[in-house]
Amino acid sequence: MTKKYSVRIDKKWCKGCEICVVLCPVDILFIGDDRKVDVSDEDKCIGCLQCEYHCPDFAIFINPKEES
């Protein structure tokens, strides 16, 4: 079974720099109409943490989902 992750974005802190969008290896991040990052399909997140590690505004958080 593949581990699942939650992707939380703090829209107050996000300035829409697109660093996370460029770094995401599974292309699930994009810039929405509000010029802030958004997630297209959280279930495809592999938990690599590249977006979280490189966000200059500390606006994105990746956490393991609880297994049910």
PDB file of N, CA and C in Angstrom:
ATOM      1  N   MET A   1       0.838  -1.192   0.000  1.00  0.00           N
ATOM      2  CA  MET A   1       0.000   0.000   0.000  1.00  0.00           C
ATOM      3  C   MET A   1       0.883   1.255   0.000  1.00  0.00           C
ATOM      4  N   THR A   2       0.547   2.231  -0.826  1.00  0.00           N
ATOM      5  CA  THR A   2       1.288   3.470  -0.916  1.00  0.00           C
ATOM      6  C   THR A   2       0.875   4.407   0.202  1.00  0.00           C
ATOM      7  N   LYS A   3       1.849   5.026   0.817  1.00  0.00           N
ATOM      8  CA  LYS A   3       1.568   5.981   1.882  1.00  0.00           C
ATOM      9  C   LYS A   3       0.936   7.233   1.286  1.00  0.00           C
ATOM     10  N   LYS A   4      -0.032   7.791   1.979  1.00  0.00           N
ATOM     11  CA  LYS A   4      -0.729   8.988   1.514  1.00  0.00           C
ATOM     12  C   LYS A   4      -0.311  10.190   2.356  1.00  0.00           C
ATOM     13  N   TYR A   5      -0.342  11.354   1.731  1.00  0.00           N
ATOM     14  CA  TYR A   5       0.070  12.581   2.398  1.00  0.00           C
ATOM     15  C   TYR A   5      -1.000  13.659   2.238  1.00  0.00           C
ATOM     16  N   SER A   6      -1.067  14.535   3.229  1.00  0.00           N
ATOM     17  CA  SER A   6      -1.930  15.702   3.104  1.00  0.00           C
ATOM     18  C   SER A   6      -1.058  16.897   2.738  1.00  0.00           C
ATOM     19  N   VAL A   7      -1.592  17.753   1.922  1.00  0.00           N
ATOM     20  CA  VAL A   7      -0.889  18.949   1.479  1.00  0.00           C
ATOM     21  C   VAL A   7      -1.691  20.142   1.973  1.00  0.00           C
ATOM     22  N   ARG A   8      -1.099  20.918   2.883  1.00  0.00           N
ATOM     23  CA  ARG A   8      -1.787  22.092   3.422  1.00  0.00           C
ATOM     24  C   ARG A   8      -1.034  23.338   2.991  1.00  0.00           C
ATOM     25  N   ILE A   9      -1.789  24.291   2.470  1.00  0.00           N
ATOM     26  CA  ILE A   9      -1.208  25.550   2.002  1.00  0.00           C
ATOM     27  C   ILE A   9      -1.809  26.691   2.808  1.00  0.00           C
ATOM     28  N   ASP A  10      -0.950  27.497   3.395  1.00  0.00           N
ATOM     29  CA  ASP A  10      -1.399  28.676   4.125  1.00  0.00           C
ATOM     30  C   ASP A  10      -1.445  29.832   3.127  1.00  0.00           C
ATOM     31  N   LYS A  11      -2.626  30.122   2.654  1.00  0.00           N
ATOM     32  CA  LYS A  11      -2.805  31.137   1.604  1.00  0.00           C
ATOM     33  C   LYS A  11      -2.419  32.541   2.073  1.00  0.00           C
ATOM     34  N   LYS A  12      -2.459  32.781   3.383  1.00  0.00           N
ATOM     35  CA  LYS A  12      -2.045  34.090   3.904  1.00  0.00           C
ATOM     36  C   LYS A  12      -0.552  34.314   3.671  1.00  0.00           C
ATOM     37  N   TRP A  13       0.220  33.253   3.738  1.00  0.00           N
ATOM     38  CA  TRP A  13       1.674  33.364   3.620  1.00  0.00           C
ATOM     39  C   TRP A  13       2.167  33.200   2.187  1.00  0.00           C
ATOM     40  N   CYS A  14       1.434  32.465   1.368  1.00  0.00           N
ATOM     41  CA  CYS A  14       1.874  32.183  -0.004  1.00  0.00           C
ATOM     42  C   CYS A  14       1.867  33.467  -0.834  1.00  0.00           C
ATOM     43  N   LYS A  15       2.997  33.724  -1.521  1.00  0.00           N
ATOM     44  CA  LYS A  15       3.061  34.894  -2.398  1.00  0.00           C
ATOM     45  C   LYS A  15       3.009  34.511  -3.873  1.00  0.00           C
ATOM     46  N   GLY A  16       2.819  33.203  -4.145  1.00  0.00           N
ATOM     47  CA  GLY A  16       2.669  32.751  -5.528  1.00  0.00           C
ATOM     48  C   GLY A  16       3.951  32.772  -6.324  1.00  0.00           C
ATOM     49  N   CYS A  17       5.072  32.477  -5.692  1.00  0.00           N
ATOM     50  CA  CYS A  17       6.373  32.542  -6.370  1.00  0.00           C
ATOM     51  C   CYS A  17       6.597  31.386  -7.347  1.00  0.00           C
ATOM     52  N   GLU A  18       5.829  30.314  -7.224  1.00  0.00           N
ATOM     53  CA  GLU A  18       5.860  29.145  -8.108  1.00  0.00           C
ATOM     54  C   GLU A  18       7.065  28.232  -7.921  1.00  0.00           C
ATOM     55  N   ILE A  19       7.886  28.453  -6.916  1.00  0.00           N
ATOM     56  CA  ILE A  19       9.025  27.566  -6.672  1.00  0.00           C
ATOM     57  C   ILE A  19       8.528  26.142  -6.451  1.00  0.00           C
ATOM     58  N   CYS A  20       7.504  25.979  -5.631  1.00  0.00           N
ATOM     59  CA  CYS A  20       6.974  24.645  -5.344  1.00  0.00           C
ATOM     60  C   CYS A  20       6.382  23.987  -6.589  1.00  0.00           C
ATOM     61  N   VAL A  21       5.739  24.786  -7.431  1.00  0.00           N
ATOM     62  CA  VAL A  21       5.142  24.271  -8.660  1.00  0.00           C
ATOM     63  C   VAL A  21       6.226  23.678  -9.566  1.00  0.00           C
ATOM     64  N   VAL A  22       7.327  24.393  -9.697  1.00  0.00           N
ATOM     65  CA  VAL A  22       8.432  23.953 -10.549  1.00  0.00           C
ATOM     66  C   VAL A  22       9.102  22.705  -9.975  1.00  0.00           C
ATOM     67  N   LEU A  23       9.242  22.633  -8.655  1.00  0.00           N
ATOM     68  CA  LEU A  23       9.964  21.523  -8.020  1.00  0.00           C
ATOM     69  C   LEU A  23       9.151  20.246  -7.856  1.00  0.00           C
ATOM     70  N   CYS A  24       7.832  20.309  -7.893  1.00  0.00           N
ATOM     71  CA  CYS A  24       6.995  19.129  -7.636  1.00  0.00           C
ATOM     72  C   CYS A  24       7.214  18.056  -8.707  1.00  0.00           C
ATOM     73  N   PRO A  25       7.747  16.877  -8.312  1.00  0.00           N
ATOM     74  CA  PRO A  25       8.041  15.837  -9.302  1.00  0.00           C
ATOM     75  C   PRO A  25       6.803  15.140  -9.855  1.00  0.00           C
ATOM     76  N   VAL A  26       5.656  15.288  -9.192  1.00  0.00           N
ATOM     77  CA  VAL A  26       4.432  14.644  -9.676  1.00  0.00           C
ATOM     78  C   VAL A  26       3.419  15.656 -10.212  1.00  0.00           C
ATOM     79  N   ASP A  27       3.838  16.908 -10.356  1.00  0.00           N
ATOM     80  CA  ASP A  27       3.025  17.969 -10.985  1.00  0.00           C
ATOM     81  C   ASP A  27       1.621  18.098 -10.417  1.00  0.00           C
ATOM     82  N   ILE A  28       1.493  18.140  -9.088  1.00  0.00           N
ATOM     83  CA  ILE A  28       0.165  18.313  -8.487  1.00  0.00           C
ATOM     84  C   ILE A  28      -0.075  19.731  -7.990  1.00  0.00           C
ATOM     85  N   LEU A  29       0.927  20.582  -8.075  1.00  0.00           N
ATOM     86  CA  LEU A  29       0.789  21.961  -7.614  1.00  0.00           C
ATOM     87  C   LEU A  29       0.643  22.893  -8.805  1.00  0.00           C
ATOM     88  N   PHE A  30      -0.179  23.904  -8.650  1.00  0.00           N
ATOM     89  CA  PHE A  30      -0.375  24.901  -9.709  1.00  0.00           C
ATOM     90  C   PHE A  30      -0.760  26.225  -9.069  1.00  0.00           C
ATOM     91  N   ILE A  31      -0.668  27.295  -9.837  1.00  0.00           N
ATOM     92  CA  ILE A  31      -1.077  28.609  -9.369  1.00  0.00           C
ATOM     93  C   ILE A  31      -2.531  28.821  -9.790  1.00  0.00           C
ATOM     94  N   GLY A  32      -3.375  29.074  -8.789  1.00  0.00           N
ATOM     95  CA  GLY A  32      -4.805  29.253  -9.037  1.00  0.00           C
ATOM     96  C   GLY A  32      -5.146  30.676  -9.458  1.00  0.00           C
ATOM     97  N   ASP A  33      -6.440  30.906  -9.621  1.00  0.00           N
ATOM     98  CA  ASP A  33      -6.928  32.220 -10.033  1.00  0.00           C
ATOM     99  C   ASP A  33      -6.583  33.314  -9.027  1.00  0.00           C
ATOM    100  N   ASP A  34      -6.393  32.923  -7.760  1.00  0.00           N
ATOM    101  CA  ASP A  34      -6.055  33.896  -6.717  1.00  0.00           C
ATOM    102  C   ASP A  34      -4.554  34.184  -6.659  1.00  0.00           C
ATOM    103  N   ARG A  35      -3.784  33.627  -7.628  1.00  0.00           N
ATOM    104  CA  ARG A  35      -2.324  33.789  -7.722  1.00  0.00           C
ATOM    105  C   ARG A  35      -1.597  33.161  -6.535  1.00  0.00           C
ATOM    106  N   LYS A  36      -2.227  32.175  -5.917  1.00  0.00           N
ATOM    107  CA  LYS A  36      -1.634  31.408  -4.829  1.00  0.00           C
ATOM    108  C   LYS A  36      -1.551  29.953  -5.274  1.00  0.00           C
ATOM    109  N   VAL A  37      -0.654  29.197  -4.651  1.00  0.00           N
ATOM    110  CA  VAL A  37      -0.502  27.790  -5.018  1.00  0.00           C
ATOM    111  C   VAL A  37      -1.732  27.004  -4.588  1.00  0.00           C
ATOM    112  N   ASP A  38      -2.049  25.987  -5.370  1.00  0.00           N
ATOM    113  CA  ASP A  38      -3.178  25.101  -5.081  1.00  0.00           C
ATOM    114  C   ASP A  38      -2.764  23.681  -5.457  1.00  0.00           C
ATOM    115  N   VAL A  39      -3.572  22.708  -5.037  1.00  0.00           N
ATOM    116  CA  VAL A  39      -3.256  21.295  -5.242  1.00  0.00           C
ATOM    117  C   VAL A  39      -4.309  20.674  -6.150  1.00  0.00           C
ATOM    118  N   SER A  40      -3.857  19.988  -7.206  1.00  0.00           N
ATOM    119  CA  SER A  40      -4.800  19.371  -8.136  1.00  0.00           C
ATOM    120  C   SER A  40      -5.245  17.991  -7.669  1.00  0.00           C
ATOM    121  N   ASP A  41      -4.331  17.195  -7.106  1.00  0.00           N
ATOM    122  CA  ASP A  41      -4.683  15.832  -6.683  1.00  0.00           C
ATOM    123  C   ASP A  41      -3.777  15.397  -5.535  1.00  0.00           C
ATOM    124  N   GLU A  42      -4.214  15.691  -4.324  1.00  0.00           N
ATOM    125  CA  GLU A  42      -3.438  15.394  -3.117  1.00  0.00           C
ATOM    126  C   GLU A  42      -3.035  13.920  -3.024  1.00  0.00           C
ATOM    127  N   ASP A  43      -3.862  13.027  -3.529  1.00  0.00           N
ATOM    128  CA  ASP A  43      -3.575  11.586  -3.441  1.00  0.00           C
ATOM    129  C   ASP A  43      -2.341  11.173  -4.243  1.00  0.00           C
ATOM    130  N   LYS A  44      -1.895  12.008  -5.156  1.00  0.00           N
ATOM    131  CA  LYS A  44      -0.704  11.696  -5.944  1.00  0.00           C
ATOM    132  C   LYS A  44       0.587  12.171  -5.271  1.00  0.00           C
ATOM    133  N   CYS A  45       0.477  12.906  -4.163  1.00  0.00           N
ATOM    134  CA  CYS A  45       1.653  13.407  -3.451  1.00  0.00           C
ATOM    135  C   CYS A  45       2.480  12.225  -2.949  1.00  0.00           C
ATOM    136  N   ILE A  46       3.802  12.266  -3.212  1.00  0.00           N
ATOM    137  CA  ILE A  46       4.699  11.186  -2.798  1.00  0.00           C
ATOM    138  C   ILE A  46       5.465  11.533  -1.520  1.00  0.00           C
ATOM    139  N   GLY A  47       5.216  12.711  -0.976  1.00  0.00           N
ATOM    140  CA  GLY A  47       5.854  13.096   0.278  1.00  0.00           C
ATOM    141  C   GLY A  47       7.331  13.398   0.170  1.00  0.00           C
ATOM    142  N   CYS A  48       7.783  13.883  -0.960  1.00  0.00           N
ATOM    143  CA  CYS A  48       9.221  14.164  -1.148  1.00  0.00           C
ATOM    144  C   CYS A  48       9.668  15.405  -0.363  1.00  0.00           C
ATOM    145  N   LEU A  49       8.720  16.268  -0.021  1.00  0.00           N
ATOM    146  CA  LEU A  49       8.938  17.475   0.786  1.00  0.00           C
ATOM    147  C   LEU A  49       9.714  18.582   0.073  1.00  0.00           C
ATOM    148  N   GLN A  50       9.938  18.462  -1.228  1.00  0.00           N
ATOM    149  CA  GLN A  50      10.668  19.506  -1.949  1.00  0.00           C
ATOM    150  C   GLN A  50       9.952  20.851  -1.852  1.00  0.00           C
ATOM    151  N   CYS A  51       8.645  20.835  -1.956  1.00  0.00           N
ATOM    152  CA  CYS A  51       7.884  22.084  -1.875  1.00  0.00           C
ATOM    153  C   CYS A  51       8.016  22.710  -0.489  1.00  0.00           C
ATOM    154  N   GLU A  52       7.895  21.892   0.541  1.00  0.00           N
ATOM    155  CA  GLU A  52       7.977  22.394   1.915  1.00  0.00           C
ATOM    156  C   GLU A  52       9.379  22.921   2.220  1.00  0.00           C
ATOM    157  N   TYR A  53      10.407  22.182   1.840  1.00  0.00           N
ATOM    158  CA  TYR A  53      11.789  22.580   2.118  1.00  0.00           C
ATOM    159  C   TYR A  53      12.202  23.865   1.409  1.00  0.00           C
ATOM    160  N   HIS A  54      11.674  24.100   0.210  1.00  0.00           N
ATOM    161  CA  HIS A  54      12.127  25.237  -0.599  1.00  0.00           C
ATOM    162  C   HIS A  54      11.194  26.437  -0.581  1.00  0.00           C
ATOM    163  N   CYS A  55      10.076  26.341   0.101  1.00  0.00           N
ATOM    164  CA  CYS A  55       9.144  27.481   0.156  1.00  0.00           C
ATOM    165  C   CYS A  55       9.780  28.617   0.969  1.00  0.00           C
ATOM    166  N   PRO A  56      10.020  29.778   0.346  1.00  0.00           N
ATOM    167  CA  PRO A  56      10.648  30.883   1.072  1.00  0.00           C
ATOM    168  C   PRO A  56       9.706  31.522   2.100  1.00  0.00           C
ATOM    169  N   ASP A  57       8.423  31.223   2.012  1.00  0.00           N
ATOM    170  CA  ASP A  57       7.446  31.824   2.919  1.00  0.00           C
ATOM    171  C   ASP A  57       6.882  30.845   3.944  1.00  0.00           C
ATOM    172  N   PHE A  58       7.400  29.617   3.945  1.00  0.00           N
ATOM    173  CA  PHE A  58       6.924  28.584   4.884  1.00  0.00           C
ATOM    174  C   PHE A  58       5.404  28.436   4.815  1.00  0.00           C
ATOM    175  N   ALA A  59       4.877  28.404   3.595  1.00  0.00           N
ATOM    176  CA  ALA A  59       3.434  28.411   3.383  1.00  0.00           C
ATOM    177  C   ALA A  59       2.855  27.047   3.007  1.00  0.00           C
ATOM    178  N   ILE A  60       3.683  26.023   2.865  1.00  0.00           N
ATOM    179  CA  ILE A  60       3.176  24.715   2.445  1.00  0.00           C
ATOM    180  C   ILE A  60       3.695  23.646   3.402  1.00  0.00           C
ATOM    181  N   PHE A  61       2.787  22.733   3.761  1.00  0.00           N
ATOM    182  CA  PHE A  61       3.100  21.705   4.747  1.00  0.00           C
ATOM    183  C   PHE A  61       2.638  20.346   4.234  1.00  0.00           C
ATOM    184  N   ILE A  62       3.528  19.370   4.294  1.00  0.00           N
ATOM    185  CA  ILE A  62       3.219  18.007   3.874  1.00  0.00           C
ATOM    186  C   ILE A  62       3.261  17.122   5.115  1.00  0.00           C
ATOM    187  N   ASN A  63       2.192  16.391   5.344  1.00  0.00           N
ATOM    188  CA  ASN A  63       2.114  15.498   6.506  1.00  0.00           C
ATOM    189  C   ASN A  63       1.555  14.148   6.095  1.00  0.00           C
ATOM    190  N   PRO A  64       2.055  13.057   6.717  1.00  0.00           N
ATOM    191  CA  PRO A  64       1.483  11.745   6.433  1.00  0.00           C
ATOM    192  C   PRO A  64       0.025  11.706   6.889  1.00  0.00           C
ATOM    193  N   LYS A  65      -0.823  11.068   6.093  1.00  0.00           N
ATOM    194  CA  LYS A  65      -2.217  10.883   6.502  1.00  0.00           C
ATOM    195  C   LYS A  65      -2.298   9.689   7.437  1.00  0.00           C
ATOM    196  N   GLU A  66      -3.239   9.743   8.331  1.00  0.00           N
ATOM    197  CA  GLU A  66      -3.470   8.619   9.243  1.00  0.00           C
ATOM    198  C   GLU A  66      -3.969   7.433   8.447  1.00  0.00           C
ATOM    199  N   GLU A  67      -3.386   6.269   8.697  1.00  0.00           N
ATOM    200  CA  GLU A  67      -3.829   5.043   8.019  1.00  0.00           C
ATOM    201  C   GLU A  67      -5.093   4.552   8.689  1.00  0.00           C
ATOM    202  N   SER A  68      -6.088   4.171   7.887  1.00  0.00           N
ATOM    203  CA  SER A  68      -7.336   3.686   8.472  1.00  0.00           C
ATOM    204  C   SER A  68      -7.492   2.187   8.315  1.00  0.00           C
TER     205      SER A  68
END
